[in-house]
Amino acid sequence: MSVTGATGPGSLGIGDLAALTGVPVRTIRFYCDEGILEPARSAGGHRRFDAAAADRLRLVRRLRGLGLGLPAIAAVLAGERSLGEAVAAARAALEAEMASLAWRRAALGAVEAAAPDERSARLDLLAAAEDGRAARGALVEFWLRRIMAPLPDEQVEEFLEMVVPPPPVDPTPAQVVAYAEMVVLAGDRSLNRRLREQSRANVRVVGDEESLLAGMGEAMELASPLVLAGEAPGPGKALDRFVAAHAAGRSARDTPEFRREILRDAQVELDPRVVRYWDLFRLVTGDPVSLGTLHFWLIEALERSVPPAGARVRRGPE
């Protein structure tokens, strides 16, 4: 801050500046000590301020009223950061804090709603998801471990958006409990081991992961209106695209034996813990149809098209 002329005619003493702006003298002294205000000194050693100090102090007061910290304010006053950038950062921080508080409120409600003899177990469950953002990170890691083949970053992000629900901004107690259970499932070692083994097996037989995922996405888009309409799994364009995606990914032909091979590989997707994950996904998001729901529908449609030899494949939820 320039203080040229601050000791000349028209300069302000600290008491004058306090009276002009309504900011207490002790606060002005604090701002001076923190470098927010840089007064000149009179011959007697008293602080003196130029007229611009009042505008500067009013700006500081308004920004403090909005919750901005002194480092952010100092950066704005020094021209190191624009006012818009500083306000946007403060708003983002406030939203994160509000989301954290909403999550805690819902978690407390979940414990309160539990029966007295179930509250200890409920506390243990919620410990897996004390913070929504960290809980989502655990789910992201769970799914990233399943990607064995190199994929473009954009495709990975699209995949994660489909399989990991964002923590609700204002969650209900039931949503927080469901999210916590998803995190517990994601940490299940035996499930992770089984899924990794399947992923390694897929890498050995799938030569074109991108084509497989792209085709799967198209198959699910075709299946979505059928699932929403309550139609039973069966033959049609959705199933044809589903099989064609696997055939393209594995450089194979669509034959009855190939369809049985797909069904054998799908057993891991029908693990009760995976089925439960997708049930919880719907509870968290409120969406009637999830990627898991569509996958179960397509697997059952495939099963009905070519009954596998041996034991019948367990189905996902209706």
Protein backbone atom coordinates (compact mmCIF):
# COMPACT_ATOMS: atom_id res chain seq x y z
CA MET A 1 0.00 0.00 0.00
CA SER A 2 1.32 3.44 -0.87
CA VAL A 3 1.49 5.76 2.11
CA THR A 4 2.83 8.81 0.30
CA GLY A 5 1.27 11.91 1.81
CA ALA A 6 -0.25 9.99 4.70
CA THR A 7 1.41 12.34 7.17
CA GLY A 8 0.43 15.52 5.34
CA PRO A 9 -2.70 17.66 5.61
CA GLY A 10 -5.84 15.55 5.47
CA SER A 11 -4.17 12.42 6.78
CA LEU A 12 -6.07 10.41 9.35
CA GLY A 13 -5.11 9.25 12.78
CA ILE A 14 -6.14 5.78 13.87
CA GLY A 15 -9.03 7.17 15.92
CA ASP A 16 -10.25 9.20 12.94
CA LEU A 17 -10.09 6.13 10.70
CA ALA A 18 -12.03 4.10 13.28
CA ALA A 19 -14.74 6.77 13.53
CA LEU A 20 -14.97 7.06 9.73
CA THR A 21 -15.29 3.33 9.04
CA GLY A 22 -16.83 1.94 12.22
CA VAL A 23 -13.93 -0.49 12.65
CA PRO A 24 -12.61 -0.61 16.24
CA VAL A 25 -9.14 0.81 16.89
CA ARG A 26 -7.85 -2.51 18.19
CA THR A 27 -8.95 -4.20 14.94
CA ILE A 28 -7.18 -1.56 12.85
CA ARG A 29 -4.02 -2.12 14.87
CA PHE A 30 -4.35 -5.86 14.23
CA TYR A 31 -4.71 -5.29 10.48
CA CYS A 32 -1.62 -3.09 10.56
CA ASP A 33 0.34 -5.79 12.38
CA GLU A 34 -0.82 -8.35 9.77
CA GLY A 35 0.22 -6.14 6.86
CA ILE A 36 -3.34 -5.57 5.63
CA LEU A 37 -2.93 -1.83 6.27
CA GLU A 38 0.45 -0.09 6.02
CA PRO A 39 0.31 3.28 7.75
CA ALA A 40 2.94 5.97 7.76
CA ARG A 41 4.36 7.27 11.01
CA SER A 42 4.21 10.82 12.24
CA ALA A 43 7.20 12.57 13.77
CA GLY A 44 5.89 11.45 17.14
CA GLY A 45 5.63 7.83 15.98
CA HIS A 46 1.85 7.73 15.66
CA ARG A 47 0.15 5.85 12.86
CA ARG A 48 -1.23 8.07 10.08
CA PHE A 49 -3.41 6.95 7.16
CA ASP A 50 -4.24 8.48 3.79
CA ALA A 51 -7.80 8.78 2.50
CA ALA A 52 -7.53 5.53 0.49
CA ALA A 53 -7.08 3.58 3.74
CA ALA A 54 -10.78 4.07 4.55
CA ASP A 55 -11.87 2.43 1.27
CA ARG A 56 -9.36 -0.32 1.78
CA LEU A 57 -10.60 -0.94 5.31
CA ARG A 58 -14.24 -0.99 4.20
CA LEU A 59 -13.38 -3.63 1.59
CA VAL A 60 -11.57 -5.69 4.21
CA ARG A 61 -14.56 -5.45 6.52
CA ARG A 62 -17.00 -6.56 3.82
CA LEU A 63 -14.85 -9.50 2.79
CA ARG A 64 -14.39 -10.55 6.40
CA GLY A 65 -18.16 -10.38 6.78
CA LEU A 66 -18.43 -12.90 3.94
CA GLY A 67 -16.05 -15.21 5.74
CA LEU A 68 -12.87 -14.69 3.73
CA GLY A 69 -9.66 -15.23 5.65
CA LEU A 70 -6.93 -12.64 5.96
CA PRO A 71 -4.50 -14.45 3.59
CA ALA A 72 -7.12 -14.41 0.84
CA ILE A 73 -7.93 -10.75 1.51
CA ALA A 74 -4.25 -9.82 1.51
CA ALA A 75 -3.84 -11.54 -1.87
CA VAL A 76 -6.75 -9.51 -3.30
CA LEU A 77 -5.39 -6.23 -1.92
CA ALA A 78 -1.93 -7.03 -3.30
CA GLY A 79 -3.38 -7.78 -6.75
CA GLU A 80 -2.18 -11.37 -6.57
CA ARG A 81 -5.72 -12.70 -6.89
CA SER A 82 -8.88 -11.22 -8.33
CA LEU A 83 -11.87 -10.53 -6.12
CA GLY A 84 -13.92 -12.99 -8.18
CA GLU A 85 -11.37 -15.76 -7.68
CA ALA A 86 -11.18 -15.17 -3.94
CA VAL A 87 -14.96 -15.15 -3.54
CA ALA A 88 -15.35 -18.29 -5.67
CA ALA A 89 -12.77 -20.12 -3.56
CA ALA A 90 -14.49 -19.05 -0.35
CA ARG A 91 -17.87 -20.19 -1.70
CA ALA A 92 -16.43 -23.60 -2.68
CA ALA A 93 -14.93 -24.02 0.78
CA LEU A 94 -18.25 -23.09 2.39
CA GLU A 95 -20.14 -25.59 0.21
CA ALA A 96 -17.70 -28.32 1.19
CA GLU A 97 -18.17 -27.44 4.86
CA MET A 98 -21.95 -27.46 4.49
CA ALA A 99 -21.83 -30.85 2.74
CA SER A 100 -19.71 -32.21 5.58
CA LEU A 101 -22.17 -30.90 8.16
CA ALA A 102 -25.13 -32.34 6.24
CA TRP A 103 -23.38 -35.72 6.13
CA ARG A 104 -22.71 -35.63 9.87
CA ARG A 105 -26.31 -34.61 10.59
CA ALA A 106 -27.61 -37.55 8.55
CA ALA A 107 -25.18 -39.93 10.25
CA LEU A 108 -26.37 -38.78 13.67
CA GLY A 109 -29.94 -39.28 12.51
CA ALA A 110 -29.07 -42.79 11.36
CA VAL A 111 -27.72 -43.71 14.80
CA GLU A 112 -30.70 -42.11 16.50
CA ALA A 113 -33.13 -44.03 14.27
CA ALA A 114 -31.54 -47.40 15.01
CA ALA A 115 -32.99 -49.63 17.69
CA PRO A 116 -31.09 -49.34 20.99
CA ASP A 117 -29.55 -52.80 20.61
CA GLU A 118 -28.46 -51.99 17.05
CA ARG A 119 -26.80 -48.63 17.65
CA SER A 120 -23.34 -50.03 18.36
CA ALA A 121 -23.36 -51.94 15.07
CA ARG A 122 -24.68 -48.86 13.28
CA LEU A 123 -21.80 -46.80 14.66
CA ASP A 124 -19.32 -49.40 13.45
CA LEU A 125 -20.86 -49.32 9.97
CA LEU A 126 -20.89 -45.52 9.75
CA ALA A 127 -17.22 -45.41 10.74
CA ALA A 128 -16.51 -46.64 7.20
CA ALA A 129 -17.94 -43.42 5.76
CA GLU A 130 -17.40 -40.60 8.23
CA ASP A 131 -16.88 -38.17 5.34
CA GLY A 132 -18.73 -38.33 2.03
CA ARG A 133 -15.81 -37.24 -0.10
CA ALA A 134 -13.43 -39.78 1.45
CA ALA A 135 -16.07 -42.49 1.15
CA ARG A 136 -16.41 -41.81 -2.56
CA GLY A 137 -12.63 -42.05 -2.88
CA ALA A 138 -12.76 -45.57 -1.42
CA LEU A 139 -15.35 -46.61 -4.00
CA VAL A 140 -13.31 -45.08 -6.83
CA GLU A 141 -10.27 -47.11 -5.74
CA PHE A 142 -12.39 -50.26 -5.61
CA TRP A 143 -13.43 -49.86 -9.25
CA LEU A 144 -10.04 -48.68 -10.48
CA ARG A 145 -8.56 -51.94 -9.22
CA ARG A 146 -10.82 -53.75 -11.67
CA ILE A 147 -9.41 -51.94 -14.70
CA MET A 148 -6.46 -54.03 -15.83
CA ALA A 149 -6.17 -52.89 -19.45
CA PRO A 150 -4.96 -49.37 -20.34
CA LEU A 151 -7.85 -47.06 -21.21
CA PRO A 152 -8.06 -43.36 -22.16
CA ASP A 153 -8.59 -41.09 -19.16
CA GLU A 154 -11.91 -39.90 -20.57
CA GLN A 155 -13.24 -43.44 -20.76
CA VAL A 156 -12.09 -44.18 -17.23
CA GLU A 157 -13.88 -41.07 -15.95
CA GLU A 158 -17.07 -42.00 -17.79
CA PHE A 159 -16.90 -45.48 -16.30
CA LEU A 160 -16.41 -44.16 -12.77
CA GLU A 161 -19.38 -41.84 -13.13
CA MET A 162 -21.56 -44.85 -13.91
CA VAL A 163 -20.37 -47.08 -11.07
CA VAL A 164 -19.63 -44.66 -8.21
CA PRO A 165 -22.50 -42.49 -6.98
CA PRO A 166 -21.60 -38.99 -5.81
CA PRO A 167 -22.34 -38.46 -2.12
CA PRO A 168 -25.77 -36.77 -1.86
CA VAL A 169 -25.49 -33.06 -1.13
CA ASP A 170 -28.17 -33.26 1.55
CA PRO A 171 -28.31 -36.97 2.40
CA THR A 172 -30.97 -38.76 4.38
CA PRO A 173 -29.92 -41.10 7.19
CA ALA A 174 -30.80 -44.07 4.96
CA GLN A 175 -28.54 -42.78 2.18
CA VAL A 176 -25.59 -42.38 4.52
CA VAL A 177 -26.11 -45.91 5.85
CA ALA A 178 -26.32 -47.27 2.29
CA TYR A 179 -23.16 -45.42 1.25
CA ALA A 180 -21.31 -46.73 4.28
CA GLU A 181 -22.36 -50.29 3.43
CA MET A 182 -21.08 -49.79 -0.13
CA VAL A 183 -17.70 -48.77 1.29
CA VAL A 184 -17.66 -51.86 3.51
CA LEU A 185 -18.40 -54.06 0.48
CA ALA A 186 -15.64 -52.31 -1.46
CA GLY A 187 -13.23 -53.22 1.32
CA ASP A 188 -14.21 -56.90 1.38
CA ARG A 189 -10.91 -58.70 0.74
CA SER A 190 -12.38 -61.91 -0.59
CA LEU A 191 -14.61 -60.00 -2.98
CA ASN A 192 -11.71 -57.88 -4.16
CA ARG A 193 -9.62 -60.99 -4.68
CA ARG A 194 -12.36 -62.66 -6.70
CA LEU A 195 -12.96 -59.58 -8.83
CA ARG A 196 -9.23 -59.10 -9.50
CA GLU A 197 -8.91 -62.71 -10.57
CA GLN A 198 -11.78 -62.23 -12.99
CA SER A 199 -10.25 -59.00 -14.29
CA ARG A 200 -6.94 -60.75 -14.92
CA ALA A 201 -8.76 -63.52 -16.75
CA ASN A 202 -10.56 -60.93 -18.87
CA VAL A 203 -7.28 -59.30 -19.82
CA ARG A 204 -6.07 -62.62 -21.17
CA VAL A 205 -9.11 -63.12 -23.43
CA VAL A 206 -10.20 -59.55 -24.19
CA GLY A 207 -7.94 -57.96 -26.75
CA ASP A 208 -10.00 -54.82 -27.34
CA GLU A 209 -11.26 -53.44 -24.02
CA GLU A 210 -12.38 -50.15 -25.57
CA SER A 211 -14.66 -51.84 -28.10
CA LEU A 212 -16.07 -54.08 -25.39
CA LEU A 213 -16.91 -51.19 -23.06
CA ALA A 214 -18.30 -49.04 -25.86
CA GLY A 215 -20.51 -51.87 -27.08
CA MET A 216 -21.64 -52.67 -23.53
CA GLY A 217 -22.65 -49.05 -23.11
CA GLU A 218 -24.73 -49.18 -26.29
CA ALA A 219 -26.36 -52.44 -25.19
CA MET A 220 -27.32 -50.91 -21.86
CA GLU A 221 -28.79 -47.86 -23.56
CA LEU A 222 -30.98 -50.19 -25.62
CA ALA A 223 -31.94 -52.18 -22.53
CA SER A 224 -32.75 -49.18 -20.33
CA PRO A 225 -36.25 -48.38 -21.68
CA LEU A 226 -37.10 -52.08 -21.59
CA VAL A 227 -36.09 -52.35 -17.94
CA LEU A 228 -37.99 -49.18 -17.06
CA ALA A 229 -41.06 -50.57 -18.79
CA GLY A 230 -40.79 -53.75 -16.73
CA GLU A 231 -40.23 -56.01 -19.73
CA ALA A 232 -38.85 -59.46 -18.99
CA PRO A 233 -35.30 -60.18 -20.19
CA GLY A 234 -35.31 -61.73 -23.63
CA PRO A 235 -34.02 -61.61 -27.18
CA GLY A 236 -33.78 -58.38 -29.12
CA LYS A 237 -31.47 -55.58 -30.16
CA ALA A 238 -30.13 -55.01 -26.65
CA LEU A 239 -29.06 -58.63 -26.21
CA ASP A 240 -27.65 -58.77 -29.75
CA ARG A 241 -25.52 -55.68 -29.08
CA PHE A 242 -24.41 -57.12 -25.73
CA VAL A 243 -23.16 -60.33 -27.35
CA ALA A 244 -21.64 -58.45 -30.28
CA ALA A 245 -19.67 -56.27 -27.85
CA HIS A 246 -18.17 -59.33 -26.19
CA ALA A 247 -17.46 -60.90 -29.57
CA ALA A 248 -15.68 -57.76 -30.78
CA GLY A 249 -13.67 -57.47 -27.58
CA ARG A 250 -12.56 -61.09 -27.77
CA SER A 251 -12.29 -61.38 -31.57
CA ALA A 252 -14.78 -64.24 -31.45
CA ARG A 253 -17.94 -65.34 -33.24
CA ASP A 254 -21.42 -65.44 -31.74
CA THR A 255 -22.10 -69.13 -31.15
CA PRO A 256 -24.02 -71.02 -28.44
CA GLU A 257 -20.74 -72.05 -26.84
CA PHE A 258 -19.46 -68.46 -26.91
CA ARG A 259 -22.63 -67.34 -25.14
CA ARG A 260 -22.09 -70.01 -22.50
CA GLU A 261 -18.55 -68.70 -22.07
CA ILE A 262 -19.87 -65.20 -21.42
CA LEU A 263 -22.29 -66.63 -18.85
CA ARG A 264 -19.50 -68.50 -17.06
CA ASP A 265 -17.46 -65.32 -16.87
CA ALA A 266 -20.51 -63.42 -15.57
CA GLN A 267 -20.74 -65.56 -12.43
CA VAL A 268 -18.57 -63.10 -10.49
CA GLU A 269 -20.93 -60.26 -11.42
CA LEU A 270 -23.75 -62.24 -9.83
CA ASP A 271 -21.95 -62.60 -6.51
CA PRO A 272 -24.52 -61.61 -3.82
CA ARG A 273 -22.16 -58.88 -2.61
CA VAL A 274 -22.05 -57.32 -6.09
CA VAL A 275 -25.83 -57.59 -6.33
CA ARG A 276 -26.08 -55.86 -2.96
CA TYR A 277 -23.76 -53.08 -4.15
CA TRP A 278 -26.15 -52.21 -6.96
CA ASP A 279 -29.16 -52.37 -4.65
CA LEU A 280 -27.40 -49.86 -2.41
CA PHE A 281 -26.44 -47.76 -5.45
CA ARG A 282 -30.14 -47.28 -6.22
CA LEU A 283 -30.87 -46.38 -2.60
CA VAL A 284 -28.18 -43.70 -2.66
CA THR A 285 -29.06 -42.20 -6.05
CA GLY A 286 -32.80 -42.77 -6.13
CA ASP A 287 -32.43 -43.91 -9.74
CA PRO A 288 -34.77 -46.77 -10.66
CA VAL A 289 -32.19 -48.24 -13.05
CA SER A 290 -28.46 -48.56 -12.49
CA LEU A 291 -25.67 -49.97 -14.60
CA GLY A 292 -25.84 -53.08 -12.44
CA THR A 293 -29.58 -53.45 -13.00
CA LEU A 294 -29.07 -53.27 -16.76
CA HIS A 295 -26.20 -55.74 -16.64
CA PHE A 296 -28.27 -58.24 -14.65
CA TRP A 297 -31.10 -57.89 -17.18
CA LEU A 298 -28.77 -58.53 -20.11
CA ILE A 299 -27.14 -61.51 -18.41
CA GLU A 300 -30.54 -63.05 -17.74
CA ALA A 301 -31.60 -62.38 -21.32
CA LEU A 302 -28.43 -64.16 -22.46
CA GLU A 303 -29.10 -67.04 -20.10
CA ARG A 304 -32.59 -67.47 -21.50
CA SER A 305 -31.30 -67.36 -25.07
CA VAL A 306 -28.86 -70.23 -24.55
CA PRO A 307 -29.39 -72.18 -21.34
CA PRO A 308 -25.93 -72.97 -19.99
CA ALA A 309 -24.84 -76.51 -19.36
CA GLY A 310 -24.90 -77.52 -15.74
CA ALA A 311 -26.17 -75.39 -12.89
CA ARG A 312 -28.43 -72.48 -13.59
CA VAL A 313 -26.91 -69.02 -13.23
CA ARG A 314 -28.25 -67.05 -10.28
CA ARG A 315 -30.05 -63.93 -11.32
CA GLY A 316 -29.76 -60.40 -10.11
CA PRO A 317 -32.70 -58.53 -8.63
CA GLU A 318 -35.88 -58.43 -10.65
